[in-house]
Amino acid sequence: MQTDDKAPTMPPILSLAGKKVLVTGAANGIGQATTVALAQLGADLVITDIESMASTMERLATLGRRYEAVQGDITNEAFIDDLLSRGPYASLANVAAVFLSKPGQSTRDHFDLVMDVNVYAPMLLASRCAEQMASAGGGRIVLVGSVAGRHGGGSSLNTLDYAAYAASKGGLHVLVKWLSRRAVTGKVMVNGVAPGAVQTRLTEGVPFDSSVLPLGRMADPSELAWPIAMLCTPTASYISGVILDVNGGSYVA
């Protein structure tokens, strides 16, 4: 039997060629991995983070993709205006988040920051992106939550820091539902992804009970990146309001 050794072409339903995609939290971890996955699907990217994105930019350069890197704070409404001016976007992947408090930070200050970054900023950015996308004929929005927003979290940390984080991610999951109901009539599909334990800078030194790691390991960021990227593609043309659990079996709804 004769075989064809040519590399298969990407199915159009997975391709983001010619599409502009916005990724927040792109400096490292899940955000960086998501940026790389979207680039491999052919997207033109606008990436943002409050930190330097030099390592992400190096990875994009090797892939030969077009991108803009815009460093800034997504809790700043003027900065959100700037990001939107660089659209319109076919897709938004909001990965930016904060977790534990900094040394010397009060419980109240940490709570306010967590809610600002993890809930308020995504609410404002996603709702305004949805309006822009609807005017352009539709789009995809993915907000990254957490298994902590499902069941309070799998870490043994018994701190108010962790309580604030879990509460913020539960709020983000509700935001997905709220925005989905309002955006879907404009052909904007809004979904969430809820990671379990992932090996990133955010989780360094955080204790996880072995019972919440059925596979015996934490996830690699790329194992979250591809589900997020899939929800940014035409594959997700009939998916809206879903929180996709990507946790290695640690939580089953």
Protein backbone atom coordinates (compact mmCIF):
# COMPACT_ATOMS: atom_id res chain seq x y z
CA MET A 1 0.00 0.00 0.00
CA GLN A 2 1.38 3.38 -0.97
CA THR A 3 1.62 5.97 1.79
CA ASP A 4 1.86 9.74 1.66
CA ASP A 5 4.69 11.10 3.79
CA LYS A 6 3.57 14.72 3.47
CA ALA A 7 2.79 16.47 6.74
CA PRO A 8 -0.97 16.87 7.16
CA THR A 9 -2.39 20.34 6.78
CA MET A 10 -4.27 21.96 9.63
CA PRO A 11 -8.05 21.53 9.34
CA PRO A 12 -9.66 24.96 8.75
CA ILE A 13 -11.85 24.51 11.82
CA LEU A 14 -8.71 24.63 14.00
CA SER A 15 -6.91 27.38 12.14
CA LEU A 16 -6.59 30.91 13.46
CA ALA A 17 -4.70 32.15 10.41
CA GLY A 18 -5.47 35.80 9.79
CA LYS A 19 -7.20 36.12 13.17
CA LYS A 20 -6.08 38.53 15.88
CA VAL A 21 -6.13 37.13 19.42
CA LEU A 22 -5.57 38.94 22.74
CA VAL A 23 -3.89 37.05 25.59
CA THR A 24 -3.51 38.44 29.11
CA GLY A 25 -1.02 37.09 31.64
CA ALA A 26 1.32 36.15 28.80
CA ALA A 27 4.66 36.53 30.61
CA ASN A 28 4.89 32.98 31.96
CA GLY A 29 3.02 29.86 33.02
CA ILE A 30 -0.35 29.09 31.45
CA GLY A 31 -0.48 32.46 29.71
CA GLN A 32 2.84 31.93 27.97
CA ALA A 33 1.92 28.37 26.99
CA THR A 34 -1.44 29.57 25.64
CA THR A 35 0.30 32.25 23.60
CA VAL A 36 2.57 29.65 22.03
CA ALA A 37 -0.34 27.28 21.29
CA LEU A 38 -2.34 30.06 19.62
CA ALA A 39 0.71 31.05 17.57
CA GLN A 40 1.04 27.45 16.39
CA LEU A 41 -2.57 27.64 15.22
CA GLY A 42 -1.63 30.66 13.10
CA ALA A 43 -2.99 33.54 15.19
CA ASP A 44 -1.67 37.07 15.06
CA LEU A 45 -1.28 38.05 18.70
CA VAL A 46 -1.55 40.96 21.06
CA ILE A 47 -0.05 39.82 24.37
CA THR A 48 -0.04 41.65 27.66
CA ASP A 49 1.21 41.30 31.21
CA ILE A 50 2.27 43.57 34.03
CA GLU A 51 5.67 41.81 33.96
CA SER A 52 8.29 41.57 31.24
CA MET A 53 7.28 39.24 28.39
CA ALA A 54 10.81 38.81 27.01
CA SER A 55 10.85 35.01 27.24
CA THR A 56 7.44 34.74 25.55
CA MET A 57 8.58 37.06 22.79
CA GLU A 58 11.64 34.88 22.22
CA ARG A 59 9.41 31.83 21.79
CA LEU A 60 7.12 33.67 19.37
CA ALA A 61 10.10 34.82 17.34
CA THR A 62 11.11 31.21 16.72
CA LEU A 63 7.60 30.52 15.37
CA GLY A 64 7.70 33.47 13.00
CA ARG A 65 4.32 34.83 14.09
CA ARG A 66 3.24 38.46 14.11
CA TYR A 67 2.62 39.89 17.54
CA GLU A 68 2.44 43.04 19.65
CA ALA A 69 3.62 42.92 23.26
CA VAL A 70 1.98 45.58 25.42
CA GLN A 71 3.13 45.71 29.03
CA GLY A 72 0.66 47.15 31.51
CA ASP A 73 -1.90 46.68 34.26
CA ILE A 74 -5.30 45.33 33.20
CA THR A 75 -6.93 46.82 36.29
CA ASN A 76 -6.24 50.23 34.73
CA GLU A 77 -9.23 51.20 32.58
CA ALA A 78 -7.13 53.45 30.36
CA PHE A 79 -4.90 50.47 29.63
CA ILE A 80 -7.95 48.38 28.69
CA ASP A 81 -8.92 51.19 26.30
CA ASP A 82 -5.46 50.90 24.73
CA LEU A 83 -5.78 47.12 24.34
CA LEU A 84 -9.19 47.45 22.70
CA SER A 85 -7.84 50.05 20.27
CA ARG A 86 -5.53 47.35 18.92
CA GLY A 87 -8.48 45.11 17.97
CA PRO A 88 -10.91 44.03 16.81
CA TYR A 89 -10.13 40.58 18.14
CA ALA A 90 -11.42 37.24 16.97
CA SER A 91 -10.67 35.76 20.40
CA LEU A 92 -9.66 36.73 23.93
CA ALA A 93 -7.88 34.41 26.37
CA ASN A 94 -7.84 36.01 29.81
CA VAL A 95 -5.24 34.16 31.86
CA ALA A 96 -3.93 36.93 34.11
CA ALA A 97 -4.44 36.29 37.83
CA VAL A 98 -2.93 36.81 41.26
CA PHE A 99 -2.80 34.22 44.04
CA LEU A 100 -0.97 34.57 47.35
CA SER A 101 -0.19 37.82 49.13
CA LYS A 102 3.16 39.57 49.08
CA PRO A 103 5.25 39.87 52.27
CA GLY A 104 3.83 42.61 54.46
CA GLN A 105 0.59 42.90 52.52
CA SER A 106 -2.50 43.12 54.71
CA THR A 107 -5.39 40.67 54.37
CA ARG A 108 -7.65 43.50 53.22
CA ASP A 109 -5.21 44.83 50.64
CA HIS A 110 -4.64 41.33 49.28
CA PHE A 111 -8.38 40.66 49.06
CA ASP A 112 -8.96 43.90 47.17
CA LEU A 113 -6.12 43.15 44.74
CA VAL A 114 -7.29 39.58 44.10
CA MET A 115 -10.84 40.70 43.37
CA ASP A 116 -9.60 43.55 41.21
CA VAL A 117 -7.30 41.40 39.05
CA ASN A 118 -9.22 38.10 39.06
CA VAL A 119 -12.81 39.38 38.76
CA TYR A 120 -13.21 43.10 38.02
CA ALA A 121 -10.58 43.38 35.28
CA PRO A 122 -11.83 40.28 33.39
CA MET A 123 -15.42 41.53 33.75
CA LEU A 124 -14.57 44.88 32.19
CA LEU A 125 -12.21 43.56 29.52
CA ALA A 126 -14.40 40.63 28.47
CA SER A 127 -17.64 42.62 28.37
CA ARG A 128 -16.05 45.32 26.24
CA CYS A 129 -14.36 42.75 23.98
CA ALA A 130 -17.75 41.05 23.56
CA GLU A 131 -19.27 44.33 22.35
CA GLN A 132 -16.40 44.85 19.90
CA MET A 133 -16.62 41.25 18.66
CA ALA A 134 -20.39 41.42 18.19
CA SER A 135 -19.98 44.53 16.04
CA ALA A 136 -17.45 42.60 13.92
CA GLY A 137 -19.70 39.55 13.50
CA GLY A 138 -18.76 37.38 16.50
CA GLY A 139 -15.86 35.92 18.42
CA ARG A 140 -14.63 33.73 21.27
CA ILE A 141 -13.83 34.62 24.88
CA VAL A 142 -12.13 32.28 27.35
CA LEU A 143 -11.74 33.22 31.02
CA VAL A 144 -9.39 31.05 33.09
CA GLY A 145 -10.82 30.15 36.48
CA SER A 146 -9.71 27.40 38.85
CA VAL A 147 -10.80 24.18 40.50
CA ALA A 148 -10.63 26.32 43.67
CA GLY A 149 -13.72 28.09 42.35
CA ARG A 150 -15.47 24.72 42.07
CA HIS A 151 -14.89 23.22 45.51
CA GLY A 152 -12.78 25.64 47.52
CA GLY A 153 -9.44 24.31 46.28
CA GLY A 154 -7.21 21.29 46.66
CA SER A 155 -4.40 22.83 48.66
CA SER A 156 -4.01 22.25 52.38
CA LEU A 157 -3.38 25.96 52.84
CA ASN A 158 -5.70 27.20 55.58
CA THR A 159 -5.30 30.92 55.04
CA LEU A 160 -7.49 33.85 54.15
CA ASP A 161 -5.22 34.41 51.14
CA TYR A 162 -6.39 31.11 49.71
CA ALA A 163 -10.00 31.84 50.67
CA ALA A 164 -9.85 35.11 48.72
CA TYR A 165 -8.39 33.34 45.68
CA ALA A 166 -11.05 30.59 45.75
CA ALA A 167 -13.81 33.17 46.12
CA SER A 168 -12.46 35.20 43.20
CA LYS A 169 -12.38 32.19 40.90
CA GLY A 170 -15.90 31.20 41.91
CA GLY A 171 -16.92 34.72 40.97
CA LEU A 172 -15.15 34.40 37.63
CA HIS A 173 -17.08 31.20 36.86
CA VAL A 174 -20.35 33.04 37.51
CA LEU A 175 -19.12 35.86 35.26
CA VAL A 176 -18.69 33.32 32.43
CA LYS A 177 -22.36 32.33 32.80
CA TRP A 178 -23.54 35.93 33.07
CA LEU A 179 -21.60 37.10 30.03
CA SER A 180 -22.45 34.04 27.96
CA ARG A 181 -26.18 34.69 28.28
CA ARG A 182 -25.74 38.26 27.07
CA ALA A 183 -23.08 37.80 24.40
CA VAL A 184 -24.28 34.70 22.57
CA THR A 185 -26.93 36.60 20.60
CA GLY A 186 -24.07 38.60 19.10
CA LYS A 187 -22.37 35.33 18.08
CA VAL A 188 -19.77 35.75 20.82
CA MET A 189 -19.15 32.45 22.61
CA VAL A 190 -17.97 32.88 26.19
CA ASN A 191 -16.48 29.96 28.12
CA GLY A 192 -14.18 29.23 31.02
CA VAL A 193 -11.43 26.77 31.81
CA ALA A 194 -10.89 25.61 35.40
CA PRO A 195 -7.36 24.24 35.94
CA GLY A 196 -6.42 21.97 38.80
CA ALA A 197 -2.89 22.05 40.20
CA VAL A 198 -0.49 23.38 37.55
CA GLN A 199 3.29 23.68 37.79
CA THR A 200 3.75 27.45 37.50
CA ARG A 201 5.36 30.26 39.48
CA LEU A 202 2.01 30.89 41.19
CA THR A 203 2.04 27.42 42.77
CA GLU A 204 5.70 27.22 43.78
CA GLY A 205 5.84 26.14 47.42
CA VAL A 206 2.08 25.61 47.68
CA PRO A 207 1.28 22.27 49.37
CA PHE A 208 -1.18 19.99 47.56
CA ASP A 209 -2.75 16.94 49.16
CA SER A 210 -1.76 13.84 47.16
CA SER A 211 -5.43 12.83 47.12
CA VAL A 212 -6.19 15.72 44.74
CA LEU A 213 -3.54 14.56 42.25
CA PRO A 214 -4.92 11.26 40.89
CA LEU A 215 -2.26 11.18 38.17
CA GLY A 216 0.44 11.67 40.79
CA ARG A 217 1.65 14.95 39.33
CA MET A 218 0.72 18.54 38.63
CA ALA A 219 -0.19 19.62 35.12
CA ASP A 220 2.28 21.15 32.72
CA PRO A 221 1.08 24.59 31.52
CA SER A 222 0.80 23.26 27.97
CA GLU A 223 -1.87 20.83 29.14
CA LEU A 224 -4.05 23.83 29.93
CA ALA A 225 -2.96 25.87 26.92
CA TRP A 226 -4.41 23.59 24.28
CA PRO A 227 -7.93 23.36 25.77
CA ILE A 228 -7.91 27.16 26.11
CA ALA A 229 -6.70 27.52 22.51
CA MET A 230 -9.37 25.09 21.26
CA LEU A 231 -12.10 27.27 22.76
CA CYS A 232 -10.61 30.22 20.83
CA THR A 233 -11.04 28.45 17.46
CA PRO A 234 -14.03 27.84 15.18
CA THR A 235 -14.24 24.38 16.80
CA ALA A 236 -16.11 26.08 19.65
CA SER A 237 -18.79 27.52 17.36
CA TYR A 238 -21.62 25.97 19.42
CA ILE A 239 -20.11 26.02 22.91
CA SER A 240 -21.07 28.81 25.27
CA GLY A 241 -21.38 29.16 29.04
CA VAL A 242 -19.25 26.11 29.78
CA ILE A 243 -16.63 25.81 32.52
CA LEU A 244 -14.24 23.19 31.15
CA ASP A 245 -12.56 21.27 33.97
CA VAL A 246 -8.92 20.42 33.20
CA ASN A 247 -7.64 18.89 36.40
CA GLY A 248 -6.45 15.33 35.80
CA GLY A 249 -9.52 13.84 37.48
CA SER A 250 -9.14 15.71 40.78
CA TYR A 251 -12.64 17.15 40.44
CA VAL A 252 -15.59 15.58 38.64
CA ALA A 253 -18.82 17.57 38.55
